[in-house]
Amino acid sequence: MRVSMIAALGAGLLALSACGGKGDDKLGDQAHDALENKADAMDAAATQMGGTDRDLMKAKAETTRAAADAKEKAIDDADVDASSMSDAQKNAVINGN
């Protein structure tokens, strides 16, 4: 699932980068924050778990944080002009839909 999400994000960003861009970093920041919030929720859930389940949840949270950094960089590097995007398009980039 993670690989397909990354592939879809990459394809979407390539399409968006073709628009030429006067992008700012706001969209990348929002995408990063959305994934950071998910990672924080995973860490909170891990505190209620024990043993292997806790360790797996913490590892998943760290993987999500790494994905947040990569997604923000990809969006910023694509120089996406978010001002020309609809709210639905922005939400799709931020939430990976």
N, C-alpha and C. Protein backbone atom coordinates (compact mmCIF):
# COMPACT_ATOMS: atom_id res chain seq x y z
N MET A 1 0.82 -1.18 0.00
CA MET A 1 0.00 0.00 0.00
C MET A 1 0.87 1.25 0.00
N ARG A 2 1.94 1.24 0.78
CA ARG A 2 2.79 2.41 0.87
C ARG A 2 3.45 2.72 -0.47
N VAL A 3 3.88 1.68 -1.17
CA VAL A 3 4.52 1.87 -2.47
C VAL A 3 3.54 2.47 -3.46
N SER A 4 2.29 2.00 -3.45
CA SER A 4 1.31 2.55 -4.38
C SER A 4 1.00 4.01 -4.05
N MET A 5 0.99 4.35 -2.75
CA MET A 5 0.74 5.74 -2.35
C MET A 5 1.88 6.63 -2.84
N ILE A 6 3.11 6.16 -2.70
CA ILE A 6 4.26 6.95 -3.13
C ILE A 6 4.25 7.09 -4.65
N ALA A 7 3.91 6.02 -5.36
CA ALA A 7 3.85 6.08 -6.82
C ALA A 7 2.77 7.06 -7.28
N ALA A 8 1.61 7.01 -6.63
CA ALA A 8 0.52 7.92 -7.00
C ALA A 8 0.91 9.37 -6.71
N LEU A 9 1.56 9.59 -5.57
CA LEU A 9 2.02 10.94 -5.23
C LEU A 9 3.01 11.44 -6.27
N GLY A 10 3.95 10.57 -6.64
CA GLY A 10 4.95 10.96 -7.63
C GLY A 10 4.32 11.33 -8.96
N ALA A 11 3.37 10.51 -9.39
CA ALA A 11 2.69 10.80 -10.66
C ALA A 11 1.92 12.11 -10.58
N GLY A 12 1.26 12.33 -9.47
CA GLY A 12 0.50 13.57 -9.29
C GLY A 12 1.40 14.79 -9.27
N LEU A 13 2.53 14.65 -8.61
CA LEU A 13 3.45 15.78 -8.54
C LEU A 13 4.09 16.07 -9.89
N LEU A 14 4.37 15.03 -10.66
CA LEU A 14 4.91 15.26 -11.99
C LEU A 14 3.90 16.02 -12.85
N ALA A 15 2.64 15.64 -12.75
CA ALA A 15 1.61 16.34 -13.50
C ALA A 15 1.50 17.79 -13.05
N LEU A 16 1.58 17.99 -11.75
CA LEU A 16 1.47 19.35 -11.23
C LEU A 16 2.68 20.19 -11.59
N SER A 17 3.86 19.57 -11.62
CA SER A 17 5.06 20.35 -11.92
C SER A 17 5.06 20.82 -13.37
N ALA A 18 4.32 20.15 -14.23
CA ALA A 18 4.24 20.55 -15.63
C ALA A 18 3.52 21.88 -15.79
N CYS A 19 2.82 22.30 -14.75
CA CYS A 19 2.07 23.56 -14.79
C CYS A 19 3.00 24.77 -14.75
N GLY A 20 4.22 24.57 -14.51
CA GLY A 20 5.15 25.68 -14.34
C GLY A 20 4.95 26.17 -12.94
N GLY A 21 5.68 26.76 -12.24
CA GLY A 21 5.22 27.04 -10.90
C GLY A 21 5.77 28.29 -10.33
N LYS A 22 4.91 28.87 -9.59
CA LYS A 22 5.29 29.97 -8.72
C LYS A 22 4.92 29.50 -7.33
N GLY A 23 5.23 28.24 -7.08
CA GLY A 23 4.80 27.62 -5.85
C GLY A 23 5.46 28.22 -4.63
N ASP A 24 4.76 28.09 -3.53
CA ASP A 24 5.36 28.43 -2.26
C ASP A 24 5.44 27.14 -1.46
N ASP A 25 5.89 27.20 -0.26
CA ASP A 25 6.09 26.00 0.52
C ASP A 25 4.88 25.63 1.38
N LYS A 26 3.80 26.39 1.30
CA LYS A 26 2.65 26.16 2.16
C LYS A 26 2.03 24.78 1.94
N LEU A 27 1.85 24.37 0.69
CA LEU A 27 1.23 23.08 0.40
C LEU A 27 2.11 21.94 0.94
N GLY A 28 3.41 22.04 0.75
CA GLY A 28 4.33 21.04 1.29
C GLY A 28 4.28 20.99 2.80
N ASP A 29 4.21 22.16 3.42
CA ASP A 29 4.11 22.22 4.88
C ASP A 29 2.84 21.56 5.38
N GLN A 30 1.73 21.80 4.68
CA GLN A 30 0.45 21.22 5.08
C GLN A 30 0.47 19.70 4.94
N ALA A 31 1.06 19.21 3.86
CA ALA A 31 1.17 17.76 3.66
C ALA A 31 2.04 17.14 4.75
N HIS A 32 3.13 17.81 5.07
CA HIS A 32 4.03 17.34 6.13
C HIS A 32 3.29 17.30 7.46
N ASP A 33 2.58 18.37 7.77
CA ASP A 33 1.86 18.44 9.04
C ASP A 33 0.79 17.36 9.17
N ALA A 34 0.11 17.06 8.06
CA ALA A 34 -0.93 16.03 8.09
C ALA A 34 -0.33 14.67 8.45
N LEU A 35 0.82 14.35 7.86
CA LEU A 35 1.46 13.08 8.18
C LEU A 35 2.07 13.09 9.58
N GLU A 36 2.59 14.23 10.00
CA GLU A 36 3.12 14.33 11.37
C GLU A 36 2.01 14.10 12.40
N ASN A 37 0.82 14.63 12.12
CA ASN A 37 -0.31 14.41 13.02
C ASN A 37 -0.66 12.93 13.10
N LYS A 38 -0.60 12.22 11.97
CA LYS A 38 -0.86 10.77 11.98
C LYS A 38 0.21 10.05 12.80
N ALA A 39 1.46 10.46 12.64
CA ALA A 39 2.55 9.84 13.40
C ALA A 39 2.38 10.10 14.90
N ASP A 40 1.97 11.30 15.26
CA ASP A 40 1.73 11.62 16.67
C ASP A 40 0.62 10.74 17.25
N ALA A 41 -0.43 10.51 16.46
CA ALA A 41 -1.53 9.65 16.91
C ALA A 41 -1.03 8.21 17.09
N MET A 42 -0.14 7.77 16.22
CA MET A 42 0.42 6.43 16.35
C MET A 42 1.26 6.32 17.62
N ASP A 43 2.05 7.37 17.91
CA ASP A 43 2.84 7.37 19.14
C ASP A 43 1.94 7.33 20.37
N ALA A 44 0.85 8.08 20.32
CA ALA A 44 -0.09 8.09 21.44
C ALA A 44 -0.72 6.71 21.62
N ALA A 45 -1.07 6.07 20.51
CA ALA A 45 -1.65 4.73 20.57
C ALA A 45 -0.62 3.73 21.11
N ALA A 46 0.64 3.92 20.76
CA ALA A 46 1.68 3.00 21.20
C ALA A 46 1.83 2.99 22.71
N THR A 47 1.54 4.13 23.33
CA THR A 47 1.67 4.18 24.80
C THR A 47 0.65 3.29 25.48
N GLN A 48 -0.41 2.93 24.78
CA GLN A 48 -1.44 2.05 25.33
C GLN A 48 -1.18 0.58 25.03
N MET A 49 -0.11 0.31 24.30
CA MET A 49 0.21 -1.06 23.87
C MET A 49 1.41 -1.57 24.65
N GLY A 50 1.64 -2.83 24.49
CA GLY A 50 2.80 -3.43 25.12
C GLY A 50 3.59 -4.26 24.15
N GLY A 51 4.82 -4.52 24.50
CA GLY A 51 5.68 -5.44 23.77
C GLY A 51 5.84 -5.15 22.30
N THR A 52 5.66 -6.20 21.51
CA THR A 52 5.88 -6.13 20.07
C THR A 52 4.91 -5.15 19.40
N ASP A 53 3.66 -5.13 19.86
CA ASP A 53 2.69 -4.20 19.26
C ASP A 53 3.14 -2.76 19.43
N ARG A 54 3.65 -2.43 20.61
CA ARG A 54 4.15 -1.07 20.87
C ARG A 54 5.32 -0.76 19.94
N ASP A 55 6.24 -1.70 19.84
CA ASP A 55 7.43 -1.48 19.01
C ASP A 55 7.05 -1.31 17.54
N LEU A 56 6.11 -2.12 17.08
CA LEU A 56 5.66 -2.00 15.69
C LEU A 56 4.97 -0.67 15.42
N MET A 57 4.15 -0.22 16.37
CA MET A 57 3.46 1.06 16.19
C MET A 57 4.45 2.21 16.20
N LYS A 58 5.44 2.15 17.07
CA LYS A 58 6.46 3.21 17.09
C LYS A 58 7.26 3.23 15.79
N ALA A 59 7.57 2.04 15.26
CA ALA A 59 8.28 1.96 13.99
C ALA A 59 7.43 2.53 12.86
N LYS A 60 6.14 2.25 12.90
CA LYS A 60 5.23 2.79 11.88
C LYS A 60 5.17 4.31 11.97
N ALA A 61 5.19 4.84 13.18
CA ALA A 61 5.19 6.29 13.36
C ALA A 61 6.46 6.91 12.78
N GLU A 62 7.59 6.27 12.99
CA GLU A 62 8.85 6.79 12.44
C GLU A 62 8.87 6.73 10.92
N THR A 63 8.32 5.66 10.36
CA THR A 63 8.21 5.54 8.90
C THR A 63 7.31 6.64 8.35
N THR A 64 6.24 6.93 9.07
CA THR A 64 5.31 7.98 8.65
C THR A 64 6.00 9.35 8.70
N ARG A 65 6.83 9.57 9.71
CA ARG A 65 7.57 10.84 9.80
C ARG A 65 8.55 10.98 8.63
N ALA A 66 9.20 9.90 8.28
CA ALA A 66 10.12 9.94 7.13
C ALA A 66 9.35 10.22 5.85
N ALA A 67 8.17 9.62 5.72
CA ALA A 67 7.33 9.88 4.55
C ALA A 67 6.88 11.34 4.52
N ALA A 68 6.63 11.91 5.69
CA ALA A 68 6.23 13.32 5.76
C ALA A 68 7.33 14.22 5.22
N ASP A 69 8.56 13.94 5.61
CA ASP A 69 9.69 14.74 5.13
C ASP A 69 9.86 14.59 3.62
N ALA A 70 9.75 13.34 3.14
CA ALA A 70 9.92 13.09 1.70
C ALA A 70 8.81 13.75 0.88
N LYS A 71 7.59 13.67 1.40
CA LYS A 71 6.46 14.26 0.67
C LYS A 71 6.59 15.78 0.61
N GLU A 72 6.97 16.39 1.72
CA GLU A 72 7.16 17.85 1.72
C GLU A 72 8.23 18.24 0.72
N LYS A 73 9.34 17.52 0.70
CA LYS A 73 10.42 17.84 -0.23
C LYS A 73 9.97 17.67 -1.67
N ALA A 74 9.24 16.59 -1.96
CA ALA A 74 8.78 16.36 -3.33
C ALA A 74 7.85 17.47 -3.80
N ILE A 75 6.95 17.89 -2.92
CA ILE A 75 6.03 18.97 -3.29
C ILE A 75 6.78 20.27 -3.50
N ASP A 76 7.70 20.57 -2.59
CA ASP A 76 8.48 21.80 -2.72
C ASP A 76 9.37 21.78 -3.96
N ASP A 77 9.99 20.63 -4.22
CA ASP A 77 10.86 20.51 -5.40
C ASP A 77 10.07 20.64 -6.70
N ALA A 78 8.80 20.22 -6.67
CA ALA A 78 7.96 20.31 -7.86
C ALA A 78 7.53 21.75 -8.14
N ASP A 79 7.75 22.62 -7.17
CA ASP A 79 7.40 24.04 -7.31
C ASP A 79 5.94 24.20 -7.72
N VAL A 80 5.08 23.51 -6.99
CA VAL A 80 3.64 23.49 -7.28
C VAL A 80 3.05 24.88 -7.04
N ASP A 81 2.28 25.35 -8.01
CA ASP A 81 1.56 26.62 -7.87
C ASP A 81 0.18 26.30 -7.30
N ALA A 82 0.11 26.26 -5.98
CA ALA A 82 -1.14 25.87 -5.31
C ALA A 82 -2.26 26.86 -5.56
N SER A 83 -1.94 28.09 -5.92
CA SER A 83 -2.99 29.09 -6.13
C SER A 83 -3.86 28.75 -7.34
N SER A 84 -3.34 27.92 -8.23
CA SER A 84 -4.13 27.54 -9.41
C SER A 84 -4.87 26.22 -9.21
N MET A 85 -4.80 25.67 -8.01
CA MET A 85 -5.44 24.38 -7.73
C MET A 85 -6.75 24.59 -6.99
N SER A 86 -7.68 23.67 -7.23
CA SER A 86 -8.94 23.70 -6.46
C SER A 86 -8.66 23.16 -5.06
N ASP A 87 -9.59 23.39 -4.15
CA ASP A 87 -9.44 22.86 -2.80
C ASP A 87 -9.38 21.34 -2.83
N ALA A 88 -10.15 20.72 -3.70
CA ALA A 88 -10.14 19.26 -3.82
C ALA A 88 -8.76 18.76 -4.26
N GLN A 89 -8.14 19.46 -5.20
CA GLN A 89 -6.81 19.07 -5.65
C GLN A 89 -5.78 19.24 -4.53
N LYS A 90 -5.88 20.35 -3.81
CA LYS A 90 -4.96 20.56 -2.69
C LYS A 90 -5.12 19.47 -1.64
N ASN A 91 -6.37 19.15 -1.30
CA ASN A 91 -6.63 18.11 -0.31
C ASN A 91 -6.10 16.76 -0.77
N ALA A 92 -6.20 16.49 -2.07
CA ALA A 92 -5.70 15.22 -2.60
C ALA A 92 -4.18 15.14 -2.46
N VAL A 93 -3.49 16.24 -2.69
CA VAL A 93 -2.04 16.25 -2.53
C VAL A 93 -1.67 16.13 -1.06
N ILE A 94 -2.35 16.85 -0.21
CA ILE A 94 -2.05 16.85 1.22
C ILE A 94 -2.33 15.48 1.84
N ASN A 95 -3.47 14.90 1.50
CA ASN A 95 -3.90 13.67 2.15
C ASN A 95 -3.58 12.41 1.35
N GLY A 96 -2.98 12.56 0.20
CA GLY A 96 -2.60 11.40 -0.59
C GLY A 96 -3.76 10.68 -1.24
N ASN A 97 -4.85 11.38 -1.48
CA ASN A 97 -6.03 10.77 -2.10
C ASN A 97 -5.98 10.91 -3.60
